[in-house]
Amino acid sequence: MSNKVKITVLKTTFNKEYVDLYVEKERKKTLGTCEVFKEGQEFITDVVIGMPQGFCPWAWDDIYKVLVAYFADGNFGMWTENGNTTIACCTDGTRPVFFKIEKIAA
């Protein structure tokens, strides 16, 4: 069993309501969806290789626990159909990005 994962960017979002309420006035003039990720992007990695080049460090920190679970040969059986794929997101409340993270064969 491989400890590698494929991370796919499923969706980038923008919560305008929260931006309007909570983001600093000057920043909200230029704020949009995440500038780092594009829907459909794919990254192959594992916990040993570490964060892929071009990956957002904040998002990496948010999804790292999934990689550690897969590295230890764990799964998310009760949350997903086959247990070897899960959906996670970064914790940016104004413009979260959703990722599909799946174990892949060596």
PDB file of N, CA and C in Angstrom:
ATOM      1  N   MET A   1       0.846  -1.194   0.000  1.00  0.00           N
ATOM      2  CA  MET A   1       0.000   0.000   0.000  1.00  0.00           C
ATOM      3  C   MET A   1       0.881   1.243   0.000  1.00  0.00           C
ATOM      4  N   SER A   2       0.555   2.133  -0.851  1.00  0.00           N
ATOM      5  CA  SER A   2       1.313   3.377  -0.948  1.00  0.00           C
ATOM      6  C   SER A   2       0.824   4.365   0.099  1.00  0.00           C
ATOM      7  N   ASN A   3       1.699   5.228   0.527  1.00  0.00           N
ATOM      8  CA  ASN A   3       1.320   6.304   1.435  1.00  0.00           C
ATOM      9  C   ASN A   3       1.159   7.622   0.687  1.00  0.00           C
ATOM     10  N   LYS A   4       1.229   7.558  -0.632  1.00  0.00           N
ATOM     11  CA  LYS A   4       1.067   8.763  -1.446  1.00  0.00           C
ATOM     12  C   LYS A   4      -0.410   9.113  -1.569  1.00  0.00           C
ATOM     13  N   VAL A   5      -0.646  10.395  -1.759  1.00  0.00           N
ATOM     14  CA  VAL A   5      -2.003  10.881  -1.958  1.00  0.00           C
ATOM     15  C   VAL A   5      -2.052  11.803  -3.168  1.00  0.00           C
ATOM     16  N   LYS A   6      -3.227  11.867  -3.752  1.00  0.00           N
ATOM     17  CA  LYS A   6      -3.484  12.863  -4.794  1.00  0.00           C
ATOM     18  C   LYS A   6      -4.453  13.867  -4.193  1.00  0.00           C
ATOM     19  N   ILE A   7      -4.073  15.127  -4.244  1.00  0.00           N
ATOM     20  CA  ILE A   7      -4.911  16.216  -3.746  1.00  0.00           C
ATOM     21  C   ILE A   7      -5.438  16.957  -4.966  1.00  0.00           C
ATOM     22  N   THR A   8      -6.750  17.004  -5.099  1.00  0.00           N
ATOM     23  CA  THR A   8      -7.384  17.691  -6.221  1.00  0.00           C
ATOM     24  C   THR A   8      -8.176  18.876  -5.696  1.00  0.00           C
ATOM     25  N   VAL A   9      -7.994  20.036  -6.294  1.00  0.00           N
ATOM     26  CA  VAL A   9      -8.777  21.210  -5.923  1.00  0.00           C
ATOM     27  C   VAL A   9     -10.156  21.054  -6.555  1.00  0.00           C
ATOM     28  N   LEU A  10     -11.152  20.875  -5.700  1.00  0.00           N
ATOM     29  CA  LEU A  10     -12.519  20.698  -6.199  1.00  0.00           C
ATOM     30  C   LEU A  10     -13.212  22.024  -6.472  1.00  0.00           C
ATOM     31  N   LYS A  11     -13.059  22.965  -5.529  1.00  0.00           N
ATOM     32  CA  LYS A  11     -13.826  24.196  -5.659  1.00  0.00           C
ATOM     33  C   LYS A  11     -13.149  25.321  -4.872  1.00  0.00           C
ATOM     34  N   THR A  12     -13.135  26.497  -5.465  1.00  0.00           N
ATOM     35  CA  THR A  12     -12.727  27.704  -4.754  1.00  0.00           C
ATOM     36  C   THR A  12     -13.976  28.551  -4.563  1.00  0.00           C
ATOM     37  N   THR A  13     -14.160  29.096  -3.375  1.00  0.00           N
ATOM     38  CA  THR A  13     -15.394  29.826  -3.088  1.00  0.00           C
ATOM     39  C   THR A  13     -15.089  31.211  -2.529  1.00  0.00           C
ATOM     40  N   PHE A  14     -16.124  32.022  -2.463  1.00  0.00           N
ATOM     41  CA  PHE A  14     -15.997  33.391  -1.964  1.00  0.00           C
ATOM     42  C   PHE A  14     -17.270  33.731  -1.200  1.00  0.00           C
ATOM     43  N   ASN A  15     -17.138  33.983   0.098  1.00  0.00           N
ATOM     44  CA  ASN A  15     -18.290  34.322   0.940  1.00  0.00           C
ATOM     45  C   ASN A  15     -18.402  35.837   1.066  1.00  0.00           C
ATOM     46  N   LYS A  16     -19.021  36.452   0.065  1.00  0.00           N
ATOM     47  CA  LYS A  16     -19.126  37.909   0.013  1.00  0.00           C
ATOM     48  C   LYS A  16     -19.776  38.480   1.266  1.00  0.00           C
ATOM     49  N   GLU A  17     -20.772  37.801   1.786  1.00  0.00           N
ATOM     50  CA  GLU A  17     -21.453  38.276   2.991  1.00  0.00           C
ATOM     51  C   GLU A  17     -20.457  38.481   4.139  1.00  0.00           C
ATOM     52  N   TYR A  18     -19.568  37.516   4.352  1.00  0.00           N
ATOM     53  CA  TYR A  18     -18.591  37.621   5.430  1.00  0.00           C
ATOM     54  C   TYR A  18     -17.496  38.626   5.104  1.00  0.00           C
ATOM     55  N   VAL A  19     -17.130  38.711   3.852  1.00  0.00           N
ATOM     56  CA  VAL A  19     -16.148  39.714   3.444  1.00  0.00           C
ATOM     57  C   VAL A  19     -16.703  41.103   3.739  1.00  0.00           C
ATOM     58  N   ASP A  20     -17.951  41.341   3.336  1.00  0.00           N
ATOM     59  CA  ASP A  20     -18.570  42.649   3.564  1.00  0.00           C
ATOM     60  C   ASP A  20     -18.652  42.989   5.050  1.00  0.00           C
ATOM     61  N   LEU A  21     -18.899  41.986   5.880  1.00  0.00           N
ATOM     62  CA  LEU A  21     -19.053  42.221   7.312  1.00  0.00           C
ATOM     63  C   LEU A  21     -17.737  42.327   8.075  1.00  0.00           C
ATOM     64  N   TYR A  22     -16.725  41.556   7.674  1.00  0.00           N
ATOM     65  CA  TYR A  22     -15.580  41.391   8.560  1.00  0.00           C
ATOM     66  C   TYR A  22     -14.204  41.759   7.995  1.00  0.00           C
ATOM     67  N   VAL A  23     -14.076  41.891   6.712  1.00  0.00           N
ATOM     68  CA  VAL A  23     -12.754  42.161   6.141  1.00  0.00           C
ATOM     69  C   VAL A  23     -12.465  43.662   6.160  1.00  0.00           C
ATOM     70  N   GLU A  24     -11.215  43.990   6.396  1.00  0.00           N
ATOM     71  CA  GLU A  24     -10.764  45.374   6.441  1.00  0.00           C
ATOM     72  C   GLU A  24     -11.140  46.096   5.137  1.00  0.00           C
ATOM     73  N   LYS A  25     -11.560  47.346   5.274  1.00  0.00           N
ATOM     74  CA  LYS A  25     -12.136  48.128   4.172  1.00  0.00           C
ATOM     75  C   LYS A  25     -11.279  48.138   2.901  1.00  0.00           C
ATOM     76  N   GLU A  26      -9.992  48.436   3.013  1.00  0.00           N
ATOM     77  CA  GLU A  26      -9.130  48.493   1.830  1.00  0.00           C
ATOM     78  C   GLU A  26      -8.926  47.107   1.219  1.00  0.00           C
ATOM     79  N   ARG A  27      -8.780  46.103   2.061  1.00  0.00           N
ATOM     80  CA  ARG A  27      -8.548  44.726   1.571  1.00  0.00           C
ATOM     81  C   ARG A  27      -9.748  44.202   0.802  1.00  0.00           C
ATOM     82  N   LYS A  28     -10.954  44.518   1.267  1.00  0.00           N
ATOM     83  CA  LYS A  28     -12.141  43.981   0.587  1.00  0.00           C
ATOM     84  C   LYS A  28     -12.317  44.524  -0.829  1.00  0.00           C
ATOM     85  N   LYS A  29     -11.645  45.621  -1.165  1.00  0.00           N
ATOM     86  CA  LYS A  29     -11.734  46.171  -2.515  1.00  0.00           C
ATOM     87  C   LYS A  29     -11.114  45.239  -3.550  1.00  0.00           C
ATOM     88  N   THR A  30     -10.118  44.470  -3.145  1.00  0.00           N
ATOM     89  CA  THR A  30      -9.408  43.610  -4.096  1.00  0.00           C
ATOM     90  C   THR A  30      -9.572  42.122  -3.798  1.00  0.00           C
ATOM     91  N   LEU A  31     -10.286  41.788  -2.745  1.00  0.00           N
ATOM     92  CA  LEU A  31     -10.409  40.391  -2.345  1.00  0.00           C
ATOM     93  C   LEU A  31     -11.367  39.629  -3.254  1.00  0.00           C
ATOM     94  N   GLY A  32     -10.946  38.449  -3.668  1.00  0.00           N
ATOM     95  CA  GLY A  32     -11.783  37.554  -4.474  1.00  0.00           C
ATOM     96  C   GLY A  32     -11.513  36.130  -4.036  1.00  0.00           C
ATOM     97  N   THR A  33     -11.784  35.189  -4.891  1.00  0.00           N
ATOM     98  CA  THR A  33     -11.468  33.805  -4.551  1.00  0.00           C
ATOM     99  C   THR A  33      -9.967  33.648  -4.366  1.00  0.00           C
ATOM    100  N   CYS A  34      -9.559  32.562  -3.767  1.00  0.00           N
ATOM    101  CA  CYS A  34      -8.154  32.278  -3.488  1.00  0.00           C
ATOM    102  C   CYS A  34      -7.310  32.445  -4.750  1.00  0.00           C
ATOM    103  N   GLU A  35      -6.169  33.145  -4.605  1.00  0.00           N
ATOM    104  CA  GLU A  35      -5.261  33.362  -5.738  1.00  0.00           C
ATOM    105  C   GLU A  35      -4.294  32.206  -5.935  1.00  0.00           C
ATOM    106  N   VAL A  36      -4.204  31.305  -4.961  1.00  0.00           N
ATOM    107  CA  VAL A  36      -3.209  30.240  -5.010  1.00  0.00           C
ATOM    108  C   VAL A  36      -3.691  29.041  -5.827  1.00  0.00           C
ATOM    109  N   PHE A  37      -4.957  28.675  -5.662  1.00  0.00           N
ATOM    110  CA  PHE A  37      -5.467  27.451  -6.274  1.00  0.00           C
ATOM    111  C   PHE A  37      -6.463  27.731  -7.394  1.00  0.00           C
ATOM    112  N   LYS A  38      -6.486  26.811  -8.344  1.00  0.00           N
ATOM    113  CA  LYS A  38      -7.463  26.824  -9.430  1.00  0.00           C
ATOM    114  C   LYS A  38      -8.181  25.476  -9.415  1.00  0.00           C
ATOM    115  N   GLU A  39      -9.469  25.497  -9.651  1.00  0.00           N
ATOM    116  CA  GLU A  39     -10.236  24.255  -9.676  1.00  0.00           C
ATOM    117  C   GLU A  39      -9.639  23.292 -10.691  1.00  0.00           C
ATOM    118  N   GLY A  40      -9.510  22.023 -10.276  1.00  0.00           N
ATOM    119  CA  GLY A  40      -8.948  20.998 -11.136  1.00  0.00           C
ATOM    120  C   GLY A  40      -7.461  20.761 -10.934  1.00  0.00           C
ATOM    121  N   GLN A  41      -6.764  21.652 -10.248  1.00  0.00           N
ATOM    122  CA  GLN A  41      -5.341  21.439  -9.976  1.00  0.00           C
ATOM    123  C   GLN A  41      -5.158  20.135  -9.212  1.00  0.00           C
ATOM    124  N   GLU A  42      -4.053  19.438  -9.492  1.00  0.00           N
ATOM    125  CA  GLU A  42      -3.749  18.192  -8.801  1.00  0.00           C
ATOM    126  C   GLU A  42      -2.318  18.229  -8.268  1.00  0.00           C
ATOM    127  N   PHE A  43      -2.141  17.643  -7.098  1.00  0.00           N
ATOM    128  CA  PHE A  43      -0.843  17.543  -6.451  1.00  0.00           C
ATOM    129  C   PHE A  43      -0.668  16.112  -5.970  1.00  0.00           C
ATOM    130  N   ILE A  44       0.520  15.530  -6.155  1.00  0.00           N
ATOM    131  CA  ILE A  44       0.843  14.203  -5.638  1.00  0.00           C
ATOM    132  C   ILE A  44       1.913  14.400  -4.568  1.00  0.00           C
ATOM    133  N   THR A  45       1.680  13.819  -3.382  1.00  0.00           N
ATOM    134  CA  THR A  45       2.635  13.989  -2.287  1.00  0.00           C
ATOM    135  C   THR A  45       2.402  12.943  -1.210  1.00  0.00           C
ATOM    136  N   ASP A  46       3.134  13.056  -0.139  1.00  0.00           N
ATOM    137  CA  ASP A  46       2.891  12.297   1.094  1.00  0.00           C
ATOM    138  C   ASP A  46       3.510  13.092   2.238  1.00  0.00           C
ATOM    139  N   VAL A  47       3.408  12.578   3.451  1.00  0.00           N
ATOM    140  CA  VAL A  47       3.930  13.335   4.585  1.00  0.00           C
ATOM    141  C   VAL A  47       5.444  13.454   4.564  1.00  0.00           C
ATOM    142  N   VAL A  48       6.131  12.492   3.977  1.00  0.00           N
ATOM    143  CA  VAL A  48       7.591  12.535   3.926  1.00  0.00           C
ATOM    144  C   VAL A  48       8.055  13.561   2.895  1.00  0.00           C
ATOM    145  N   ILE A  49       7.469  13.515   1.695  1.00  0.00           N
ATOM    146  CA  ILE A  49       7.815  14.494   0.654  1.00  0.00           C
ATOM    147  C   ILE A  49       7.473  15.896   1.136  1.00  0.00           C
ATOM    148  N   GLY A  50       6.320  16.023   1.765  1.00  0.00           N
ATOM    149  CA  GLY A  50       5.903  17.300   2.326  1.00  0.00           C
ATOM    150  C   GLY A  50       5.072  18.132   1.375  1.00  0.00           C
ATOM    151  N   MET A  51       4.933  19.384   1.716  1.00  0.00           N
ATOM    152  CA  MET A  51       4.071  20.295   0.976  1.00  0.00           C
ATOM    153  C   MET A  51       4.573  20.478  -0.453  1.00  0.00           C
ATOM    154  N   PRO A  52       3.688  20.249  -1.422  1.00  0.00           N
ATOM    155  CA  PRO A  52       4.092  20.442  -2.822  1.00  0.00           C
ATOM    156  C   PRO A  52       4.418  21.907  -3.120  1.00  0.00           C
ATOM    157  N   GLN A  53       5.316  22.104  -4.074  1.00  0.00           N
ATOM    158  CA  GLN A  53       5.653  23.458  -4.501  1.00  0.00           C
ATOM    159  C   GLN A  53       4.383  24.154  -4.982  1.00  0.00           C
ATOM    160  N   GLY A  54       4.206  25.389  -4.572  1.00  0.00           N
ATOM    161  CA  GLY A  54       3.053  26.174  -4.992  1.00  0.00           C
ATOM    162  C   GLY A  54       1.814  25.972  -4.150  1.00  0.00           C
ATOM    163  N   PHE A  55       1.891  25.112  -3.135  1.00  0.00           N
ATOM    164  CA  PHE A  55       0.734  24.852  -2.279  1.00  0.00           C
ATOM    165  C   PHE A  55       0.687  25.902  -1.168  1.00  0.00           C
ATOM    166  N   CYS A  56      -0.477  26.341  -0.797  1.00  0.00           N
ATOM    167  CA  CYS A  56      -0.626  27.336   0.268  1.00  0.00           C
ATOM    168  C   CYS A  56      -0.276  26.725   1.624  1.00  0.00           C
ATOM    169  N   PRO A  57       0.649  27.324   2.365  1.00  0.00           N
ATOM    170  CA  PRO A  57       1.021  26.784   3.676  1.00  0.00           C
ATOM    171  C   PRO A  57      -0.149  26.713   4.661  1.00  0.00           C
ATOM    172  N   TRP A  58      -1.062  27.651   4.594  1.00  0.00           N
ATOM    173  CA  TRP A  58      -2.219  27.631   5.500  1.00  0.00           C
ATOM    174  C   TRP A  58      -3.139  26.461   5.162  1.00  0.00           C
ATOM    175  N   ALA A  59      -3.392  26.240   3.896  1.00  0.00           N
ATOM    176  CA  ALA A  59      -4.233  25.110   3.489  1.00  0.00           C
ATOM    177  C   ALA A  59      -3.537  23.790   3.824  1.00  0.00           C
ATOM    178  N   TRP A  60      -2.226  23.732   3.610  1.00  0.00           N
ATOM    179  CA  TRP A  60      -1.460  22.528   3.940  1.00  0.00           C
ATOM    180  C   TRP A  60      -1.641  22.177   5.414  1.00  0.00           C
ATOM    181  N   ASP A  61      -1.515  23.167   6.264  1.00  0.00           N
ATOM    182  CA  ASP A  61      -1.690  22.946   7.697  1.00  0.00           C
ATOM    183  C   ASP A  61      -3.094  22.405   8.004  1.00  0.00           C
ATOM    184  N   ASP A  62      -4.087  22.911   7.304  1.00  0.00           N
ATOM    185  CA  ASP A  62      -5.471  22.481   7.531  1.00  0.00           C
ATOM    186  C   ASP A  62      -5.723  21.039   7.108  1.00  0.00           C
ATOM    187  N   ILE A  63      -5.095  20.576   6.033  1.00  0.00           N
ATOM    188  CA  ILE A  63      -5.379  19.218   5.538  1.00  0.00           C
ATOM    189  C   ILE A  63      -4.335  18.195   5.961  1.00  0.00           C
ATOM    190  N   TYR A  64      -3.283  18.621   6.628  1.00  0.00           N
ATOM    191  CA  TYR A  64      -2.180  17.731   6.977  1.00  0.00           C
ATOM    192  C   TYR A  64      -2.634  16.525   7.804  1.00  0.00           C
ATOM    193  N   LYS A  65      -3.616  16.696   8.663  1.00  0.00           N
ATOM    194  CA  LYS A  65      -4.091  15.583   9.495  1.00  0.00           C
ATOM    195  C   LYS A  65      -4.623  14.427   8.656  1.00  0.00           C
ATOM    196  N   VAL A  66      -5.193  14.726   7.502  1.00  0.00           N
ATOM    197  CA  VAL A  66      -5.670  13.669   6.604  1.00  0.00           C
ATOM    198  C   VAL A  66      -4.476  12.890   6.053  1.00  0.00           C
ATOM    199  N   LEU A  67      -3.430  13.605   5.652  1.00  0.00           N
ATOM    200  CA  LEU A  67      -2.233  12.941   5.132  1.00  0.00           C
ATOM    201  C   LEU A  67      -1.585  12.053   6.183  1.00  0.00           C
ATOM    202  N   VAL A  68      -1.535  12.518   7.417  1.00  0.00           N
ATOM    203  CA  VAL A  68      -0.959  11.722   8.498  1.00  0.00           C
ATOM    204  C   VAL A  68      -1.780  10.453   8.706  1.00  0.00           C
ATOM    205  N   ALA A  69      -3.093  10.559   8.681  1.00  0.00           N
ATOM    206  CA  ALA A  69      -3.957   9.380   8.831  1.00  0.00           C
ATOM    207  C   ALA A  69      -3.707   8.380   7.709  1.00  0.00           C
ATOM    208  N   TYR A  70      -3.619   8.854   6.485  1.00  0.00           N
ATOM    209  CA  TYR A  70      -3.361   7.957   5.358  1.00  0.00           C
ATOM    210  C   TYR A  70      -1.953   7.361   5.432  1.00  0.00           C
ATOM    211  N   PHE A  71      -0.979   8.151   5.874  1.00  0.00           N
ATOM    212  CA  PHE A  71       0.390   7.665   6.004  1.00  0.00           C
ATOM    213  C   PHE A  71       0.462   6.510   7.008  1.00  0.00           C
ATOM    214  N   ALA A  72      -0.379   6.572   8.039  1.00  0.00           N
ATOM    215  CA  ALA A  72      -0.437   5.518   9.054  1.00  0.00           C
ATOM    216  C   ALA A  72      -1.377   4.389   8.625  1.00  0.00           C
ATOM    217  N   ASP A  73      -1.735   4.370   7.351  1.00  0.00           N
ATOM    218  CA  ASP A  73      -2.626   3.379   6.756  1.00  0.00           C
ATOM    219  C   ASP A  73      -4.046   3.424   7.325  1.00  0.00           C
ATOM    220  N   GLY A  74      -4.436   4.588   7.817  1.00  0.00           N
ATOM    221  CA  GLY A  74      -5.801   4.777   8.278  1.00  0.00           C
ATOM    222  C   GLY A  74      -6.718   5.076   7.107  1.00  0.00           C
ATOM    223  N   ASN A  75      -8.004   5.212   7.410  1.00  0.00           N
ATOM    224  CA  ASN A  75      -8.962   5.612   6.381  1.00  0.00           C
ATOM    225  C   ASN A  75     -10.124   6.343   7.022  1.00  0.00           C
ATOM    226  N   PHE A  76     -11.023   6.792   6.211  1.00  0.00           N
ATOM    227  CA  PHE A  76     -12.189   7.535   6.678  1.00  0.00           C
ATOM    228  C   PHE A  76     -13.447   6.773   6.270  1.00  0.00           C
ATOM    229  N   GLY A  77     -13.460   5.466   6.606  1.00  0.00           N
ATOM    230  CA  GLY A  77     -14.509   4.556   6.181  1.00  0.00           C
ATOM    231  C   GLY A  77     -15.923   5.005   6.463  1.00  0.00           C
ATOM    232  N   MET A  78     -16.155   5.602   7.599  1.00  0.00           N
ATOM    233  CA  MET A  78     -17.531   5.988   7.919  1.00  0.00           C
ATOM    234  C   MET A  78     -17.954   7.293   7.237  1.00  0.00           C
ATOM    235  N   TRP A  79     -17.010   7.994   6.614  1.00  0.00           N
ATOM    236  CA  TRP A  79     -17.318   9.281   6.001  1.00  0.00           C
ATOM    237  C   TRP A  79     -17.379   9.238   4.484  1.00  0.00           C
ATOM    238  N   THR A  80     -16.725   8.268   3.886  1.00  0.00           N
ATOM    239  CA  THR A  80     -16.705   8.210   2.434  1.00  0.00           C
ATOM    240  C   THR A  80     -16.979   6.793   1.967  1.00  0.00           C
ATOM    241  N   GLU A  81     -17.358   6.646   0.729  1.00  0.00           N
ATOM    242  CA  GLU A  81     -17.770   5.361   0.168  1.00  0.00           C
ATOM    243  C   GLU A  81     -16.712   4.280   0.305  1.00  0.00           C
ATOM    244  N   ASN A  82     -15.476   4.573  -0.068  1.00  0.00           N
ATOM    245  CA  ASN A  82     -14.456   3.524   0.006  1.00  0.00           C
ATOM    246  C   ASN A  82     -13.444   3.733   1.123  1.00  0.00           C
ATOM    247  N   GLY A  83     -13.561   4.797   1.891  1.00  0.00           N
ATOM    248  CA  GLY A  83     -12.669   5.058   3.011  1.00  0.00           C
ATOM    249  C   GLY A  83     -11.321   5.634   2.635  1.00  0.00           C
ATOM    250  N   ASN A  84     -10.944   5.547   1.373  1.00  0.00           N
ATOM    251  CA  ASN A  84      -9.634   6.015   0.937  1.00  0.00           C
ATOM    252  C   ASN A  84      -9.679   7.346   0.207  1.00  0.00           C
ATOM    253  N   THR A  85     -10.804   7.998   0.259  1.00  0.00           N
ATOM    254  CA  THR A  85     -10.973   9.330  -0.327  1.00  0.00           C
ATOM    255  C   THR A  85     -11.751  10.169   0.675  1.00  0.00           C
ATOM    256  N   THR A  86     -11.327  11.383   0.866  1.00  0.00           N
ATOM    257  CA  THR A  86     -12.080  12.275   1.741  1.00  0.00           C
ATOM    258  C   THR A  86     -12.055  13.687   1.174  1.00  0.00           C
ATOM    259  N   ILE A  87     -12.961  14.499   1.648  1.00  0.00           N
ATOM    260  CA  ILE A  87     -13.044  15.898   1.246  1.00  0.00           C
ATOM    261  C   ILE A  87     -12.636  16.740   2.449  1.00  0.00           C
ATOM    262  N   ALA A  88     -11.771  17.709   2.224  1.00  0.00           N
ATOM    263  CA  ALA A  88     -11.318  18.609   3.286  1.00  0.00           C
ATOM    264  C   ALA A  88     -11.256  20.012   2.708  1.00  0.00           C
ATOM    265  N   CYS A  89     -11.148  20.990   3.585  1.00  0.00           N
ATOM    266  CA  CYS A  89     -11.033  22.363   3.091  1.00  0.00           C
ATOM    267  C   CYS A  89     -10.117  23.170   3.980  1.00  0.00           C
ATOM    268  N   CYS A  90      -9.669  24.287   3.441  1.00  0.00           N
ATOM    269  CA  CYS A  90      -8.886  25.209   4.257  1.00  0.00           C
ATOM    270  C   CYS A  90      -9.854  25.979   5.148  1.00  0.00           C
ATOM    271  N   THR A  91      -9.331  26.585   6.178  1.00  0.00           N
ATOM    272  CA  THR A  91     -10.202  27.248   7.157  1.00  0.00           C
ATOM    273  C   THR A  91     -10.373  28.744   6.910  1.00  0.00           C
ATOM    274  N   ASP A  92     -10.105  29.196   5.705  1.00  0.00           N
ATOM    275  CA  ASP A  92     -10.337  30.597   5.375  1.00  0.00           C
ATOM    276  C   ASP A  92     -11.849  30.796   5.275  1.00  0.00           C
ATOM    277  N   GLY A  93     -12.419  31.460   6.238  1.00  0.00           N
ATOM    278  CA  GLY A  93     -13.869  31.625   6.287  1.00  0.00           C
ATOM    279  C   GLY A  93     -14.447  32.525   5.224  1.00  0.00           C
ATOM    280  N   THR A  94     -13.618  33.370   4.618  1.00  0.00           N
ATOM    281  CA  THR A  94     -14.142  34.269   3.595  1.00  0.00           C
ATOM    282  C   THR A  94     -13.996  33.702   2.188  1.00  0.00           C
ATOM    283  N   ARG A  95     -13.040  32.782   1.995  1.00  0.00           N
ATOM    284  CA  ARG A  95     -12.837  32.225   0.658  1.00  0.00           C
ATOM    285  C   ARG A  95     -12.215  30.824   0.741  1.00  0.00           C
ATOM    286  N   PRO A  96     -12.946  29.894   1.333  1.00  0.00           N
ATOM    287  CA  PRO A  96     -12.409  28.537   1.498  1.00  0.00           C
ATOM    288  C   PRO A  96     -12.224  27.808   0.167  1.00  0.00           C
ATOM    289  N   VAL A  97     -11.254  26.894   0.187  1.00  0.00           N
ATOM    290  CA  VAL A  97     -10.973  26.029  -0.953  1.00  0.00           C
ATOM    291  C   VAL A  97     -11.242  24.599  -0.509  1.00  0.00           C
ATOM    292  N   PHE A  98     -11.929  23.831  -1.352  1.00  0.00           N
ATOM    293  CA  PHE A  98     -12.274  22.441  -1.044  1.00  0.00           C
ATOM    294  C   PHE A  98     -11.372  21.499  -1.835  1.00  0.00           C
ATOM    295  N   PHE A  99     -10.869  20.480  -1.141  1.00  0.00           N
ATOM    296  CA  PHE A  99      -9.944  19.513  -1.723  1.00  0.00           C
ATOM    297  C   PHE A  99     -10.490  18.098  -1.622  1.00  0.00           C
ATOM    298  N   LYS A 100     -10.260  17.300  -2.667  1.00  0.00           N
ATOM    299  CA  LYS A 100     -10.468  15.858  -2.593  1.00  0.00           C
ATOM    300  C   LYS A 100      -9.091  15.260  -2.348  1.00  0.00           C
ATOM    301  N   ILE A 101      -8.972  14.426  -1.305  1.00  0.00           N
ATOM    302  CA  ILE A 101      -7.703  13.811  -0.979  1.00  0.00           C
ATOM    303  C   ILE A 101      -7.902  12.309  -1.038  1.00  0.00           C
ATOM    304  N   GLU A 102      -7.103  11.653  -1.880  1.00  0.00           N
ATOM    305  CA  GLU A 102      -7.297  10.217  -2.058  1.00  0.00           C
ATOM    306  C   GLU A 102      -5.974   9.457  -2.040  1.00  0.00           C
ATOM    307  N   LYS A 103      -5.993   8.294  -1.428  1.00  0.00           N
ATOM    308  CA  LYS A 103      -4.818   7.410  -1.455  1.00  0.00           C
ATOM    309  C   LYS A 103      -4.634   6.945  -2.889  1.00  0.00           C
ATOM    310  N   ILE A 104      -3.378   6.814  -3.291  1.00  0.00           N
ATOM    311  CA  ILE A 104      -3.104   6.298  -4.632  1.00  0.00           C
ATOM    312  C   ILE A 104      -2.101   5.153  -4.529  1.00  0.00           C
ATOM    313  N   ALA A 105      -2.156   4.275  -5.501  1.00  0.00           N
ATOM    314  CA  ALA A 105      -1.243   3.132  -5.551  1.00  0.00           C
ATOM    315  C   ALA A 105       0.148   3.607  -5.931  1.00  0.00           C
ATOM    316  N   ALA A 106       1.123   2.854  -5.486  1.00  0.00           N
ATOM    317  CA  ALA A 106       2.522   3.210  -5.761  1.00  0.00           C
ATOM    318  C   ALA A 106       2.826   3.123  -7.241  1.00  0.00           C
TER     319      ALA A 106
END
